[in-house]
């Protein structure tokens, strides 16, 4: 019998990335919806993730937090889903997944908070400047149909989510290459199913609030 897989999330969080990834794998899982200021900070959940944030998964005795790690773990743990990289894809797969988790998220967050890296301090910031990151991201999504090559992988779940949200919330520059990439990676049944599940959960939370 396979080990139980539990997904801890909130539909108004980065948990949507992990939900999409779970639906791409097709493996059964149970969901625990947590509230930001109550159950997410409760001792039971802090034992799962001391950061008190979502998403997280528990697979048997294994706990994984952080969206990029969850995507990579699920891809490798369930290889039958075909979401892990081939040897030829591995370099680009990890390169751009970690780029999105590091320079991209840091640059976008700082920009949204009104912080621009001074030109003479750009080397102190891991991402250099916001412009550097936007130009690099555009090149990354333009080289091939998908981020690691000609095939959809878990890295597209992670990078694609960042680009989709950035365009939707106006935190990324509106470039045609970004829009085209998002259209390619989100045209999938698992993406639609994950969104429908989270939208339903969000409405239920709002109704009960």
Protein backbone atom coordinates (compact mmCIF):
# COMPACT_ATOMS: atom_id res chain seq x y z
CA UNK A 1 0.00 0.00 0.00
CA UNK A 2 1.38 3.47 -0.90
CA UNK A 3 2.17 5.98 1.82
CA UNK A 4 -0.43 8.60 2.64
CA UNK A 5 0.11 12.00 1.07
CA UNK A 6 -1.27 15.03 2.94
CA UNK A 7 -1.30 18.51 1.48
CA UNK A 8 -1.42 21.57 3.75
CA UNK A 9 -2.54 24.72 2.02
CA UNK A 10 -4.69 27.81 1.78
CA UNK A 11 -6.34 28.63 -1.56
CA UNK A 12 -5.13 32.24 -1.33
CA UNK A 13 -1.47 31.33 -1.15
CA UNK A 14 1.47 29.80 -2.98
CA UNK A 15 -0.24 26.52 -2.16
CA UNK A 16 -1.83 26.85 -5.59
CA UNK A 17 1.53 25.96 -7.12
CA UNK A 18 1.75 22.74 -5.12
CA UNK A 19 -1.91 21.93 -5.88
CA UNK A 20 -1.21 22.20 -9.60
CA UNK A 21 1.81 19.94 -9.20
CA UNK A 22 -0.17 17.37 -7.24
CA UNK A 23 -2.86 17.29 -9.91
CA UNK A 24 -0.20 16.83 -12.59
CA UNK A 25 1.11 13.74 -10.80
CA UNK A 26 -2.36 12.19 -10.60
CA UNK A 27 -1.61 10.59 -7.22
CA UNK A 28 -4.29 10.57 -4.51
CA UNK A 29 -3.86 13.00 -1.61
CA UNK A 30 -5.80 14.52 1.23
CA UNK A 31 -6.01 18.25 1.83
CA UNK A 32 -5.93 20.27 5.04
CA UNK A 33 -6.98 23.88 4.56
CA UNK A 34 -5.34 26.17 7.10
CA UNK A 35 -6.15 29.75 8.10
CA UNK A 36 -3.31 32.25 8.11
CA UNK A 37 -3.62 33.61 11.64
CA UNK A 38 -5.01 30.59 13.47
CA UNK A 39 -4.46 26.97 12.39
CA UNK A 40 -1.36 27.89 10.38
CA UNK A 41 0.26 29.12 13.61
CA UNK A 42 -1.05 26.33 15.84
CA UNK A 43 1.41 23.92 17.50
CA UNK A 44 0.23 20.95 15.42
CA UNK A 45 1.09 22.67 12.17
CA UNK A 46 4.25 24.34 13.47
CA UNK A 47 5.49 20.80 14.08
CA UNK A 48 5.12 20.29 10.32
CA UNK A 49 6.49 23.66 9.22
CA UNK A 50 8.07 25.85 11.93
CA UNK A 51 7.74 28.81 9.57
CA UNK A 52 3.98 28.64 10.04
CA UNK A 53 3.27 29.04 6.35
CA UNK A 54 1.93 26.94 3.50
CA UNK A 55 2.25 24.92 1.40
CA UNK A 56 3.68 21.77 2.87
CA UNK A 57 3.24 18.10 2.17
CA UNK A 58 3.64 15.07 4.38
CA UNK A 59 4.32 11.86 2.48
CA UNK A 60 4.48 9.03 4.97
CA UNK A 61 7.11 10.24 7.43
CA UNK A 62 8.64 12.72 4.98
CA UNK A 63 7.77 16.42 5.22
CA UNK A 64 8.57 18.82 2.40
CA UNK A 65 8.05 22.59 2.46
CA UNK A 66 8.80 25.35 -0.08
CA UNK A 67 7.09 25.18 -3.44
CA UNK A 68 10.15 24.51 -5.56
CA UNK A 69 11.18 21.65 -3.27
CA UNK A 70 7.66 20.21 -3.33
CA UNK A 71 7.57 20.28 -7.13
CA UNK A 72 10.98 18.61 -7.42
CA UNK A 73 10.16 16.02 -4.75
CA UNK A 74 6.86 15.00 -6.33
CA UNK A 75 8.41 14.78 -9.79
CA UNK A 76 11.14 12.43 -8.55
CA UNK A 77 8.93 10.42 -6.19
CA UNK A 78 6.31 9.74 -8.85
CA UNK A 79 8.38 9.30 -12.04
CA UNK A 80 5.47 7.66 -13.84
CA UNK A 81 3.95 11.14 -14.20
CA UNK A 82 6.80 12.08 -16.55
CA UNK A 83 7.50 15.41 -14.83
CA UNK A 84 11.10 14.81 -13.74
CA UNK A 85 13.91 15.86 -16.09
CA UNK A 86 15.79 13.57 -18.41
CA UNK A 87 19.60 13.77 -18.18
CA UNK A 88 19.59 16.19 -21.12
CA UNK A 89 16.97 18.43 -19.46
CA UNK A 90 18.40 18.37 -15.96
CA UNK A 91 20.65 21.41 -16.24
CA UNK A 92 17.97 23.78 -17.53
CA UNK A 93 15.35 22.22 -15.24
CA UNK A 94 17.27 22.99 -12.06
CA UNK A 95 18.78 26.20 -13.36
CA UNK A 96 15.47 27.90 -14.03
CA UNK A 97 13.57 26.40 -11.13
CA UNK A 98 16.14 27.82 -8.73
CA UNK A 99 16.30 31.08 -10.67
CA UNK A 100 12.57 31.51 -10.07
CA UNK A 101 12.89 30.59 -6.39
CA UNK A 102 15.84 32.94 -5.87
CA UNK A 103 16.53 35.95 -8.12
CA UNK A 104 13.05 36.17 -9.65
CA UNK A 105 11.07 36.07 -6.41
CA UNK A 106 13.49 38.37 -4.60
CA UNK A 107 13.53 40.95 -7.39
CA UNK A 108 9.76 40.93 -7.83
CA UNK A 109 9.11 41.17 -4.09
CA UNK A 110 11.53 44.06 -3.61
CA UNK A 111 10.05 45.89 -6.58
CA UNK A 112 6.51 45.43 -5.25
CA UNK A 113 7.62 46.81 -1.88
CA UNK A 114 9.02 49.89 -3.57
CA UNK A 115 12.68 48.98 -3.18
CA UNK A 116 15.03 49.46 -6.11
CA UNK A 117 18.59 48.24 -5.83
CA UNK A 118 20.99 51.21 -6.07
CA UNK A 119 23.23 50.79 -9.11
CA UNK A 120 26.39 50.90 -6.99
CA UNK A 121 25.01 48.17 -4.69
CA UNK A 122 23.70 45.75 -7.32
CA UNK A 123 26.47 43.23 -6.67
CA UNK A 124 25.25 42.92 -3.06
CA UNK A 125 21.83 41.76 -4.27
CA UNK A 126 21.83 38.22 -5.57
CA UNK A 127 19.72 39.23 -8.55
CA UNK A 128 21.57 42.41 -9.56
CA UNK A 129 18.66 44.54 -10.74
CA UNK A 130 15.00 44.08 -11.65
CA UNK A 131 15.84 44.79 -15.29
CA UNK A 132 18.52 42.08 -15.26
CA UNK A 133 15.99 39.58 -13.97
CA UNK A 134 13.29 40.51 -16.49
CA UNK A 135 15.70 40.26 -19.40
CA UNK A 136 17.05 36.92 -18.20
CA UNK A 137 13.56 35.52 -17.65
CA UNK A 138 12.52 36.56 -21.16
CA UNK A 139 15.49 34.68 -22.62
CA UNK A 140 14.72 31.64 -20.48
CA UNK A 141 11.14 31.28 -21.71
CA UNK A 142 12.03 32.02 -25.34
CA UNK A 143 14.76 29.45 -26.04
CA UNK A 144 12.40 26.47 -26.25
CA UNK A 145 8.66 25.79 -25.87
CA UNK A 146 9.13 24.76 -22.23
CA UNK A 147 11.65 25.85 -19.63
CA UNK A 148 13.80 22.71 -19.84
CA UNK A 149 13.32 21.99 -23.52
CA UNK A 150 10.56 20.67 -25.76
CA UNK A 151 8.61 18.91 -23.00
CA UNK A 152 6.53 20.07 -20.03
CA UNK A 153 8.17 19.29 -16.67
CA UNK A 154 7.72 20.15 -13.00
CA UNK A 155 9.92 23.19 -13.58
CA UNK A 156 7.17 24.61 -15.79
CA UNK A 157 4.69 24.27 -12.94
CA UNK A 158 6.94 26.36 -10.73
CA UNK A 159 8.29 28.90 -13.21
CA UNK A 160 4.95 29.09 -15.02
CA UNK A 161 3.12 29.89 -11.79
CA UNK A 162 5.48 32.76 -11.04
CA UNK A 163 5.10 34.22 -14.51
CA UNK A 164 1.32 33.78 -14.55
CA UNK A 165 0.91 35.46 -11.17
CA UNK A 166 3.33 38.22 -12.07
CA UNK A 167 1.37 39.07 -15.19
CA UNK A 168 -1.95 38.78 -13.38
CA UNK A 169 -0.97 41.00 -10.46
CA UNK A 170 1.17 43.42 -12.45
CA UNK A 171 4.44 42.59 -10.71
CA UNK A 172 6.12 41.43 -13.92
CA UNK A 173 6.62 43.53 -16.99
CA UNK A 174 4.05 42.72 -19.66
CA UNK A 175 6.18 41.13 -22.35
CA UNK A 176 4.82 39.00 -25.17
CA UNK A 177 7.30 36.23 -24.44
CA UNK A 178 5.91 35.92 -20.90
CA UNK A 179 2.30 35.81 -22.11
CA UNK A 180 3.11 33.22 -24.76
CA UNK A 181 4.92 31.01 -22.24
CA UNK A 182 2.06 31.16 -19.75
CA UNK A 183 -0.42 30.22 -22.48
CA UNK A 184 1.65 27.15 -23.34
CA UNK A 185 2.17 25.84 -19.81
CA UNK A 186 -1.33 26.47 -18.45
CA UNK A 187 -3.16 24.80 -21.32
CA UNK A 188 -3.41 21.57 -19.33
CA UNK A 189 -6.28 19.66 -17.66
CA UNK A 190 -4.38 19.48 -14.35
CA UNK A 191 -4.03 23.26 -14.24
CA UNK A 192 -7.75 23.75 -14.83
CA UNK A 193 -8.66 21.13 -12.25
CA UNK A 194 -6.34 22.56 -9.60
CA UNK A 195 -7.72 26.07 -10.14
CA UNK A 196 -11.29 24.83 -9.89
CA UNK A 197 -10.55 23.06 -6.60
CA UNK A 198 -8.89 26.12 -5.10
CA UNK A 199 -11.57 28.52 -6.30
CA UNK A 200 -14.22 26.34 -4.67
CA UNK A 201 -12.21 26.17 -1.44
CA UNK A 202 -11.70 29.95 -1.45
CA UNK A 203 -15.41 30.63 -1.87
CA UNK A 204 -16.18 28.21 0.96
CA UNK A 205 -13.71 30.01 3.25
CA UNK A 206 -15.12 33.42 2.36
CA UNK A 207 -18.66 32.23 2.96
CA UNK A 208 -17.83 30.86 6.41
CA UNK A 209 -15.80 33.91 7.47
